[in-house]
C-alpha atoms as a PDB file:
ATOM      1  CA  MET A   1       6.758 -18.159   5.350  1.00  0.00           C
ATOM      2  CA  LEU A   2       6.366 -21.799   4.736  1.00  0.00           C
ATOM      3  CA  ARG A   3       2.720 -21.397   4.497  1.00  0.00           C
ATOM      4  CA  PRO A   4       2.251 -18.204   2.727  1.00  0.00           C
ATOM      5  CA  ASP A   5      -1.310 -19.363   1.000  1.00  0.00           C
ATOM      6  CA  THR A   6      -2.736 -18.874   4.254  1.00  0.00           C
ATOM      7  CA  TYR A   7      -1.805 -15.690   4.883  1.00  0.00           C
ATOM      8  CA  ILE A   8      -1.038 -13.567   1.530  1.00  0.00           C
ATOM      9  CA  GLY A   9      -2.131 -16.112  -1.023  1.00  0.00           C
ATOM     10  CA  SER A  10      -0.074 -17.639  -3.710  1.00  0.00           C
ATOM     11  CA  VAL A  11       3.459 -16.698  -3.976  1.00  0.00           C
ATOM     12  CA  HIS A  12       3.529 -18.530  -7.332  1.00  0.00           C
ATOM     13  CA  MET A  13       3.274 -16.649 -10.693  1.00  0.00           C
ATOM     14  CA  GLN A  14      -0.028 -16.923 -12.535  1.00  0.00           C
ATOM     15  CA  LYS A  15      -1.817 -15.454 -15.373  1.00  0.00           C
ATOM     16  CA  GLN A  16      -5.205 -13.884 -15.407  1.00  0.00           C
ATOM     17  CA  THR A  17      -6.884 -11.126 -17.335  1.00  0.00           C
ATOM     18  CA  LEU A  18      -7.716  -8.338 -15.091  1.00  0.00           C
ATOM     19  CA  TRP A  19      -7.870  -4.326 -15.296  1.00  0.00           C
ATOM     20  CA  VAL A  20      -4.554  -2.771 -14.897  1.00  0.00           C
ATOM     21  CA  TYR A  21      -3.606   0.921 -15.696  1.00  0.00           C
ATOM     22  CA  ASP A  22      -1.670   1.313 -18.978  1.00  0.00           C
ATOM     23  CA  ALA A  23       0.970   4.181 -18.265  1.00  0.00           C
ATOM     24  CA  GLY A  24       1.397   4.751 -22.113  1.00  0.00           C
ATOM     25  CA  THR A  25      -2.031   5.465 -22.902  1.00  0.00           C
ATOM     26  CA  LYS A  26      -2.944   6.409 -19.745  1.00  0.00           C
ATOM     27  CA  GLN A  27      -6.175   4.441 -19.358  1.00  0.00           C
ATOM     28  CA  MET A  28      -7.114   1.473 -17.905  1.00  0.00           C
ATOM     29  CA  ALA A  29      -6.872  -1.662 -19.871  1.00  0.00           C
ATOM     30  CA  TYR A  30      -8.386  -5.212 -19.559  1.00  0.00           C
ATOM     31  CA  ARG A  31      -5.877  -7.611 -20.473  1.00  0.00           C
ATOM     32  CA  GLU A  32      -4.068 -10.837 -19.429  1.00  0.00           C
ATOM     33  CA  ILE A  33      -1.487 -10.283 -17.357  1.00  0.00           C
ATOM     34  CA  SER A  34       1.122 -12.609 -15.380  1.00  0.00           C
ATOM     35  CA  TYR A  35       1.460 -11.537 -11.687  1.00  0.00           C
ATOM     36  CA  CYS A  36       2.160 -12.997  -8.090  1.00  0.00           C
ATOM     37  CA  PRO A  37      -1.045 -12.679  -5.756  1.00  0.00           C
ATOM     38  CA  GLY A  38       1.367 -12.341  -2.648  1.00  0.00           C
ATOM     39  CA  LEU A  39       3.176  -9.725  -3.734  1.00  0.00           C
ATOM     40  CA  TYR A  40       0.035  -7.791  -5.007  1.00  0.00           C
ATOM     41  CA  LYS A  41      -1.246  -8.776  -1.039  1.00  0.00           C
ATOM     42  CA  ILE A  42       1.336  -7.154   0.973  1.00  0.00           C
ATOM     43  CA  PHE A  43       1.325  -4.032  -1.087  1.00  0.00           C
ATOM     44  CA  ASP A  44      -2.194  -3.733  -0.456  1.00  0.00           C
ATOM     45  CA  GLU A  45      -2.016  -4.178   3.519  1.00  0.00           C
ATOM     46  CA  ILE A  46       0.277  -1.063   3.202  1.00  0.00           C
ATOM     47  CA  LEU A  47      -2.068   0.750   1.180  1.00  0.00           C
ATOM     48  CA  VAL A  48      -5.077  -0.170   3.392  1.00  0.00           C
ATOM     49  CA  ASN A  49      -3.585   1.064   6.305  1.00  0.00           C
ATOM     50  CA  ALA A  50      -2.835   4.401   5.013  1.00  0.00           C
ATOM     51  CA  ALA A  51      -6.574   4.692   3.919  1.00  0.00           C
ATOM     52  CA  ASP A  52      -8.085   3.656   7.111  1.00  0.00           C
ATOM     53  CA  ASN A  53      -5.818   6.524   9.107  1.00  0.00           C
ATOM     54  CA  PHE A  54      -8.343   8.948   7.344  1.00  0.00           C
ATOM     55  CA  GLN A  55     -11.048   7.038   9.883  1.00  0.00           C
ATOM     56  CA  ARG A  56      -8.866   8.074  12.667  1.00  0.00           C
ATOM     57  CA  ASP A  57      -8.017  11.506  11.617  1.00  0.00           C
ATOM     58  CA  PRO A  58     -10.363  12.948   9.295  1.00  0.00           C
ATOM     59  CA  SER A  59      -7.772  15.846   8.882  1.00  0.00           C
ATOM     60  CA  MET A  60      -5.538  13.618   7.076  1.00  0.00           C
ATOM     61  CA  SER A  61      -5.166  15.288   3.326  1.00  0.00           C
ATOM     62  CA  LYS A  62      -2.323  13.473   1.314  1.00  0.00           C
ATOM     63  CA  ILE A  63      -1.164   9.932   0.382  1.00  0.00           C
ATOM     64  CA  LYS A  64       1.755   9.429  -1.020  1.00  0.00           C
ATOM     65  CA  ILE A  65       2.554   6.580  -2.971  1.00  0.00           C
ATOM     66  CA  ASP A  66       6.386   5.593  -4.946  1.00  0.00           C
ATOM     67  CA  ILE A  67       6.700   2.460  -6.944  1.00  0.00           C
ATOM     68  CA  LYS A  68      10.169   2.177  -7.868  1.00  0.00           C
ATOM     69  CA  PRO A  69      10.555  -0.773  -9.974  1.00  0.00           C
ATOM     70  CA  GLU A  70      14.562   0.016 -10.432  1.00  0.00           C
ATOM     71  CA  GLU A  71      14.967   0.067  -7.075  1.00  0.00           C
ATOM     72  CA  ASN A  72      12.633  -2.734  -5.808  1.00  0.00           C
ATOM     73  CA  MET A  73      11.112  -0.526  -3.486  1.00  0.00           C
ATOM     74  CA  ILE A  74       7.497   0.531  -2.783  1.00  0.00           C
ATOM     75  CA  ARG A  75       6.954   3.670  -0.413  1.00  0.00           C
ATOM     76  CA  VAL A  76       3.156   4.456   1.225  1.00  0.00           C
ATOM     77  CA  TRP A  77       3.276   7.836   3.099  1.00  0.00           C
ATOM     78  CA  ASN A  78      -0.002   9.588   4.882  1.00  0.00           C
ATOM     79  CA  ASP A  79      -0.186  12.947   6.847  1.00  0.00           C
ATOM     80  CA  GLY A  80      -2.869  11.610   9.191  1.00  0.00           C
ATOM     81  CA  ARG A  81      -2.307  11.335  12.805  1.00  0.00           C
ATOM     82  CA  GLY A  82       0.984   9.628  13.434  1.00  0.00           C
ATOM     83  CA  ILE A  83       1.315   6.662  15.638  1.00  0.00           C
ATOM     84  CA  PRO A  84       1.790   7.481  19.170  1.00  0.00           C
ATOM     85  CA  VAL A  85       5.603   7.143  20.020  1.00  0.00           C
ATOM     86  CA  GLU A  86       5.855   5.889  23.493  1.00  0.00           C
ATOM     87  CA  VAL A  87       6.390   2.465  25.228  1.00  0.00           C
ATOM     88  CA  HIS A  88       3.551   0.304  25.205  1.00  0.00           C
ATOM     89  CA  GLY A  89       2.562  -0.475  28.909  1.00  0.00           C
ATOM     90  CA  GLU A  90       1.704  -4.223  28.266  1.00  0.00           C
ATOM     91  CA  HIS A  91       4.288  -5.408  25.739  1.00  0.00           C
ATOM     92  CA  LYS A  92       7.037  -3.109  26.670  1.00  0.00           C
ATOM     93  CA  CYS A  93       8.164  -1.836  23.266  1.00  0.00           C
ATOM     94  CA  HIS A  94       7.559   1.026  21.412  1.00  0.00           C
ATOM     95  CA  VAL A  95       4.226   1.276  19.913  1.00  0.00           C
ATOM     96  CA  PRO A  96       5.132   1.386  16.068  1.00  0.00           C
ATOM     97  CA  GLU A  97       7.450  -1.883  16.728  1.00  0.00           C
ATOM     98  CA  LEU A  98       4.363  -3.131  18.339  1.00  0.00           C
ATOM     99  CA  ILE A  99       2.201  -2.419  15.150  1.00  0.00           C
ATOM    100  CA  PHE A 100       4.620  -3.425  12.366  1.00  0.00           C
ATOM    101  CA  GLY A 101       6.929  -5.790  14.335  1.00  0.00           C
ATOM    102  CA  GLN A 102       5.565  -8.163  16.170  1.00  0.00           C
ATOM    103  CA  LEU A 103       2.510 -10.767  15.564  1.00  0.00           C
ATOM    104  CA  LEU A 104      -0.653 -10.921  17.022  1.00  0.00           C
ATOM    105  CA  THR A 105      -1.064  -7.673  18.744  1.00  0.00           C
ATOM    106  CA  SER A 106      -4.315  -6.274  16.987  1.00  0.00           C
ATOM    107  CA  SER A 107      -7.176  -4.655  19.102  1.00  0.00           C
ATOM    108  CA  ASN A 108      -9.503  -4.547  15.945  1.00  0.00           C
ATOM    109  CA  TYR A 109     -11.628  -7.553  16.691  1.00  0.00           C
ATOM    110  CA  ASP A 110     -15.087  -6.396  17.925  1.00  0.00           C
ATOM    111  CA  ASP A 111     -17.538  -8.128  15.540  1.00  0.00           C
ATOM    112  CA  ASP A 112     -20.036  -5.973  16.775  1.00  0.00           C
ATOM    113  CA  GLU A 113     -18.575  -2.575  16.043  1.00  0.00           C
ATOM    114  CA  LYS A 114     -19.565  -1.215  12.370  1.00  0.00           C
ATOM    115  CA  LYS A 115     -16.587  -2.028  10.253  1.00  0.00           C
ATOM    116  CA  VAL A 116     -15.269   0.835   8.629  1.00  0.00           C
ATOM    117  CA  THR A 117     -11.521   0.135   8.370  1.00  0.00           C
ATOM    118  CA  GLY A 118      -9.852  -2.505   5.862  1.00  0.00           C
ATOM    119  CA  GLY A 119      -7.878  -4.561   8.378  1.00  0.00           C
ATOM    120  CA  ARG A 120      -7.733  -5.971  11.738  1.00  0.00           C
ATOM    121  CA  ASN A 121      -4.015  -5.331  12.292  1.00  0.00           C
ATOM    122  CA  GLY A 122      -3.518  -8.753  13.659  1.00  0.00           C
ATOM    123  CA  PHE A 123      -0.909  -9.731  10.926  1.00  0.00           C
ATOM    124  CA  GLY A 124      -1.619  -6.966   8.071  1.00  0.00           C
ATOM    125  CA  ALA A 125       1.074  -4.768   7.659  1.00  0.00           C
ATOM    126  CA  LYS A 126       3.516  -7.113   9.400  1.00  0.00           C
ATOM    127  CA  LEU A 127       3.023  -9.446   6.530  1.00  0.00           C
ATOM    128  CA  ALA A 128       5.218  -6.772   4.269  1.00  0.00           C
ATOM    129  CA  ASN A 129       7.609  -6.854   6.511  1.00  0.00           C
ATOM    130  CA  ILE A 130       8.116 -10.518   6.926  1.00  0.00           C
ATOM    131  CA  PHE A 131       7.839 -10.734   3.108  1.00  0.00           C
ATOM    132  CA  SER A 132      10.336  -8.197   2.633  1.00  0.00           C
ATOM    133  CA  ARG A 133      14.493  -7.951   2.492  1.00  0.00           C
ATOM    134  CA  LYS A 134      14.377  -4.666   4.116  1.00  0.00           C
ATOM    135  CA  PHE A 135      11.065  -2.704   6.071  1.00  0.00           C
ATOM    136  CA  ILE A 136      11.382   0.607   7.347  1.00  0.00           C
ATOM    137  CA  ILE A 137       8.553   2.485   9.588  1.00  0.00           C
ATOM    138  CA  GLU A 138       8.456   6.420  10.238  1.00  0.00           C
ATOM    139  CA  THR A 139       6.354   8.136  11.970  1.00  0.00           C
ATOM    140  CA  ALA A 140       5.765  11.731  13.432  1.00  0.00           C
ATOM    141  CA  ASP A 141       3.896  12.178  16.558  1.00  0.00           C
ATOM    142  CA  SER A 142       2.758  15.733  17.368  1.00  0.00           C
ATOM    143  CA  ALA A 143       1.231  14.971  20.707  1.00  0.00           C
ATOM    144  CA  ARG A 144       4.512  13.911  22.080  1.00  0.00           C
ATOM    145  CA  ARG A 145       6.819  15.988  19.795  1.00  0.00           C
ATOM    146  CA  ARG A 146       8.874  12.938  18.870  1.00  0.00           C
ATOM    147  CA  LEU A 147       9.956  11.344  15.494  1.00  0.00           C
ATOM    148  CA  TYR A 148      10.369   7.989  15.127  1.00  0.00           C
ATOM    149  CA  LYS A 149      12.458   5.527  12.620  1.00  0.00           C
ATOM    150  CA  GLN A 150      12.893   1.635  12.819  1.00  0.00           C
ATOM    151  CA  VAL A 151      14.286  -0.586  10.337  1.00  0.00           C
ATOM    152  CA  PHE A 152      13.712  -4.283   9.832  1.00  0.00           C
ATOM    153  CA  ARG A 153      15.930  -6.395   7.905  1.00  0.00           C
ATOM    154  CA  ASN A 154      15.753 -10.147   6.315  1.00  0.00           C
ATOM    155  CA  ASN A 155      12.058 -11.007   6.696  1.00  0.00           C
ATOM    156  CA  MET A 156      11.582  -9.228   9.981  1.00  0.00           C
ATOM    157  CA  ALA A 157      14.263 -11.666  11.611  1.00  0.00           C
ATOM    158  CA  ASP A 158      16.368  -8.986  12.540  1.00  0.00           C
ATOM    159  CA  LYS A 159      15.661  -5.341  13.656  1.00  0.00           C
ATOM    160  CA  GLU A 160      17.479  -2.373  14.467  1.00  0.00           C
ATOM    161  CA  GLU A 161      16.861  -0.013  17.640  1.00  0.00           C
ATOM    162  CA  PRO A 162      14.593   2.458  16.915  1.00  0.00           C
ATOM    163  CA  VAL A 163      15.985   6.194  16.219  1.00  0.00           C
ATOM    164  CA  ILE A 164      13.882   8.413  18.291  1.00  0.00           C
ATOM    165  CA  THR A 165      14.469  12.390  17.580  1.00  0.00           C
ATOM    166  CA  GLU A 166      12.573  15.568  18.513  1.00  0.00           C
ATOM    167  CA  ASN A 167       9.696  16.566  16.103  1.00  0.00           C
ATOM    168  CA  THR A 168      10.376  20.153  16.147  1.00  0.00           C
ATOM    169  CA  ARG A 169       7.960  21.118  13.344  1.00  0.00           C
ATOM    170  CA  GLY A 170       4.871  19.168  15.141  1.00  0.00           C
ATOM    171  CA  GLN A 171       3.815  17.705  12.125  1.00  0.00           C
ATOM    172  CA  ASP A 172       2.411  14.404  11.720  1.00  0.00           C
ATOM    173  CA  TYR A 173       2.721  11.483   9.376  1.00  0.00           C
ATOM    174  CA  THR A 174       3.567   8.090   8.891  1.00  0.00           C
ATOM    175  CA  CYS A 175       5.515   6.425   6.281  1.00  0.00           C
ATOM    176  CA  VAL A 176       6.185   2.859   5.348  1.00  0.00           C
ATOM    177  CA  THR A 177       9.080   1.627   3.085  1.00  0.00           C
ATOM    178  CA  PHE A 178       9.757  -1.744   2.141  1.00  0.00           C
ATOM    179  CA  TYR A 179      11.903  -3.624  -0.571  1.00  0.00           C
ATOM    180  CA  PRO A 180      10.091  -6.834  -1.261  1.00  0.00           C
ATOM    181  CA  ASP A 181      12.053 -10.389  -1.077  1.00  0.00           C
ATOM    182  CA  LEU A 182      11.188 -11.049  -4.851  1.00  0.00           C
ATOM    183  CA  SER A 183      12.861 -14.458  -4.273  1.00  0.00           C
ATOM    184  CA  LYS A 184       9.764 -15.116  -2.156  1.00  0.00           C
ATOM    185  CA  PHE A 185       7.425 -14.438  -5.030  1.00  0.00           C
ATOM    186  CA  ARG A 186       9.844 -16.515  -7.371  1.00  0.00           C
ATOM    187  CA  MET A 187      10.203 -13.479  -9.331  1.00  0.00           C
ATOM    188  CA  GLU A 188      13.676 -11.493 -10.130  1.00  0.00           C
ATOM    189  CA  THR A 189      12.308  -8.092 -10.807  1.00  0.00           C
ATOM    190  CA  MET A 190       9.149  -5.920 -10.464  1.00  0.00           C
ATOM    191  CA  ASP A 191       8.042  -6.220 -14.151  1.00  0.00           C
ATOM    192  CA  ASP A 192       5.836  -3.991 -16.407  1.00  0.00           C
ATOM    193  CA  ASP A 193       2.765  -6.693 -15.402  1.00  0.00           C
ATOM    194  CA  ILE A 194       2.975  -6.053 -11.736  1.00  0.00           C
ATOM    195  CA  VAL A 195       3.683  -2.577 -11.704  1.00  0.00           C
ATOM    196  CA  SER A 196       0.592  -1.751 -13.894  1.00  0.00           C
ATOM    197  CA  LEU A 197      -1.791  -3.987 -11.297  1.00  0.00           C
ATOM    198  CA  LEU A 198      -0.337  -2.037  -8.566  1.00  0.00           C
ATOM    199  CA  THR A 199      -0.488   1.346 -10.258  1.00  0.00           C
ATOM    200  CA  LYS A 200      -4.075   0.640 -11.050  1.00  0.00           C
ATOM    201  CA  ARG A 201      -4.733   0.132  -7.084  1.00  0.00           C
ATOM    202  CA  ALA A 202      -3.460   3.351  -6.242  1.00  0.00           C
ATOM    203  CA  PHE A 203      -5.928   4.682  -8.831  1.00  0.00           C
ATOM    204  CA  ASP A 204      -8.740   2.691  -6.832  1.00  0.00           C
ATOM    205  CA  LEU A 205      -7.523   4.187  -3.671  1.00  0.00           C
ATOM    206  CA  ALA A 206      -8.187   7.823  -5.675  1.00  0.00           C
ATOM    207  CA  GLY A 207     -11.356   6.581  -6.539  1.00  0.00           C
ATOM    208  CA  VAL A 208     -12.888   5.618  -3.345  1.00  0.00           C
ATOM    209  CA  THR A 209     -11.315   7.455  -0.643  1.00  0.00           C
ATOM    210  CA  ASP A 210     -13.172  10.437   0.411  1.00  0.00           C
ATOM    211  CA  GLU A 211     -12.659  13.702  -1.834  1.00  0.00           C
ATOM    212  CA  ARG A 212     -10.548  15.283   0.826  1.00  0.00           C
ATOM    213  CA  VAL A 213      -7.615  13.210   0.466  1.00  0.00           C
ATOM    214  CA  ARG A 214      -5.359  13.510  -2.460  1.00  0.00           C
ATOM    215  CA  VAL A 215      -3.526  10.749  -3.834  1.00  0.00           C
ATOM    216  CA  HIS A 216      -0.018  10.782  -5.229  1.00  0.00           C
ATOM    217  CA  LEU A 217       1.588   8.299  -7.336  1.00  0.00           C
ATOM    218  CA  ASN A 218       5.476   8.629  -8.123  1.00  0.00           C
ATOM    219  CA  GLY A 219       5.377  12.700  -7.234  1.00  0.00           C
ATOM    220  CA  GLU A 220       2.094  13.339  -9.437  1.00  0.00           C
ATOM    221  CA  GLN A 221      -1.593  13.743  -8.085  1.00  0.00           C
ATOM    222  CA  ILE A 222      -3.772  11.227  -9.519  1.00  0.00           C
ATOM    223  CA  LYS A 223      -6.251  13.450 -11.142  1.00  0.00           C
ATOM    224  CA  ILE A 224      -9.508  11.842  -9.798  1.00  0.00           C
ATOM    225  CA  LYS A 225     -12.221  13.733  -7.431  1.00  0.00           C
ATOM    226  CA  ASN A 226     -14.576  11.472  -6.710  1.00  0.00           C
ATOM    227  CA  PHE A 227     -15.896   7.953  -7.760  1.00  0.00           C
ATOM    228  CA  GLN A 228     -17.607   8.994 -11.065  1.00  0.00           C
ATOM    229  CA  GLN A 229     -14.610  10.175 -12.563  1.00  0.00           C
ATOM    230  CA  TYR A 230     -12.852   6.869 -11.339  1.00  0.00           C
ATOM    231  CA  CYS A 231     -15.706   5.134 -13.367  1.00  0.00           C
ATOM    232  CA  ASP A 232     -14.960   6.982 -16.304  1.00  0.00           C
ATOM    233  CA  LEU A 233     -11.396   5.562 -16.743  1.00  0.00           C
ATOM    234  CA  TYR A 234     -13.190   2.588 -17.515  1.00  0.00           C
ATOM    235  CA  LEU A 235     -15.629   3.981 -19.401  1.00  0.00           C
ATOM    236  CA  GLU A 236     -13.145   5.639 -21.989  1.00  0.00           C
ATOM    237  CA  ALA A 237     -11.058   2.375 -21.860  1.00  0.00           C
ATOM    238  CA  LYS A 238     -14.354   0.447 -23.130  1.00  0.00           C
ATOM    239  CA  GLU A 239     -15.143   3.360 -25.772  1.00  0.00           C
ATOM    240  CA  ALA A 240     -11.378   3.248 -26.979  1.00  0.00           C
ATOM    241  CA  ALA A 241     -11.292  -0.403 -27.547  1.00  0.00           C
ATOM    242  CA  GLU A 242     -14.647  -0.622 -29.588  1.00  0.00           C
ATOM    243  CA  ALA A 243     -13.450   2.309 -31.747  1.00  0.00           C
ATOM    244  CA  GLN A 244     -10.318   0.349 -32.389  1.00  0.00           C
ATOM    245  CA  ALA A 245     -12.335  -2.920 -32.970  1.00  0.00           C
ATOM    246  CA  THR A 246     -14.687  -0.760 -35.400  1.00  0.00           C
ATOM    247  CA  ALA A 247     -11.789   0.595 -37.348  1.00  0.00           C
ATOM    248  CA  GLU A 248     -10.233  -2.693 -37.682  1.00  0.00           C
ATOM    249  CA  ALA A 249     -12.957  -4.142 -38.917  1.00  0.00           C
ATOM    250  CA  ILE A 250     -13.717  -1.233 -41.574  1.00  0.00           C
ATOM    251  CA  ALA A 251      -9.817  -1.871 -42.718  1.00  0.00           C
ATOM    252  CA  THR A 252     -10.560  -5.462 -43.161  1.00  0.00           C
END
């Protein structure tokens, strides 16, 4: 937290012209926004973790993203293979806590291995934990028939004991819910600019993830089935902007 630039980028607001998703027009828009790169980064870490799970479990079929600025809450859920709910032999804590609540515990460091995932997990999602007031990890492990839930608070400084119950339905999933510590990003609320940028990132995921994986945002499926449809969002936005410019020129 003392040197956030090293890990998540700037924690100061900056202005930049970027592509974002305009909820009003339901199109991509290229405009100047004010946003905090650090907040965007921790959201992306959680999102990439969910997408990476498809590489480990090709039966994964759904990613659900909730962005609730009125609650200052972000949730990312996927139905891929759950995290093993067991005590790690070397580190002597449960594996979900090891992944999300302890630093420098990655195994993804083989530079000779073909890179098909987005993170190394040495910091990764733990950065979202560190920069959040509250961070909740939930996972369902069908192999061991266990459900796991653990809550971290105050920038990962405080942790509750995990609650482990029986997985009677035999399902698999992983869900991360976090409440960003906006004071660390010089923000008071998640405003329209940052929400439009995070929403655009959800559309990115729908455009590049395997066609078998459906991406939902705030309870609705994003209607993108392939990369071509994703690209069309930008082409439609460009055509709409050109048509508007032509109309304004004629009116003038």
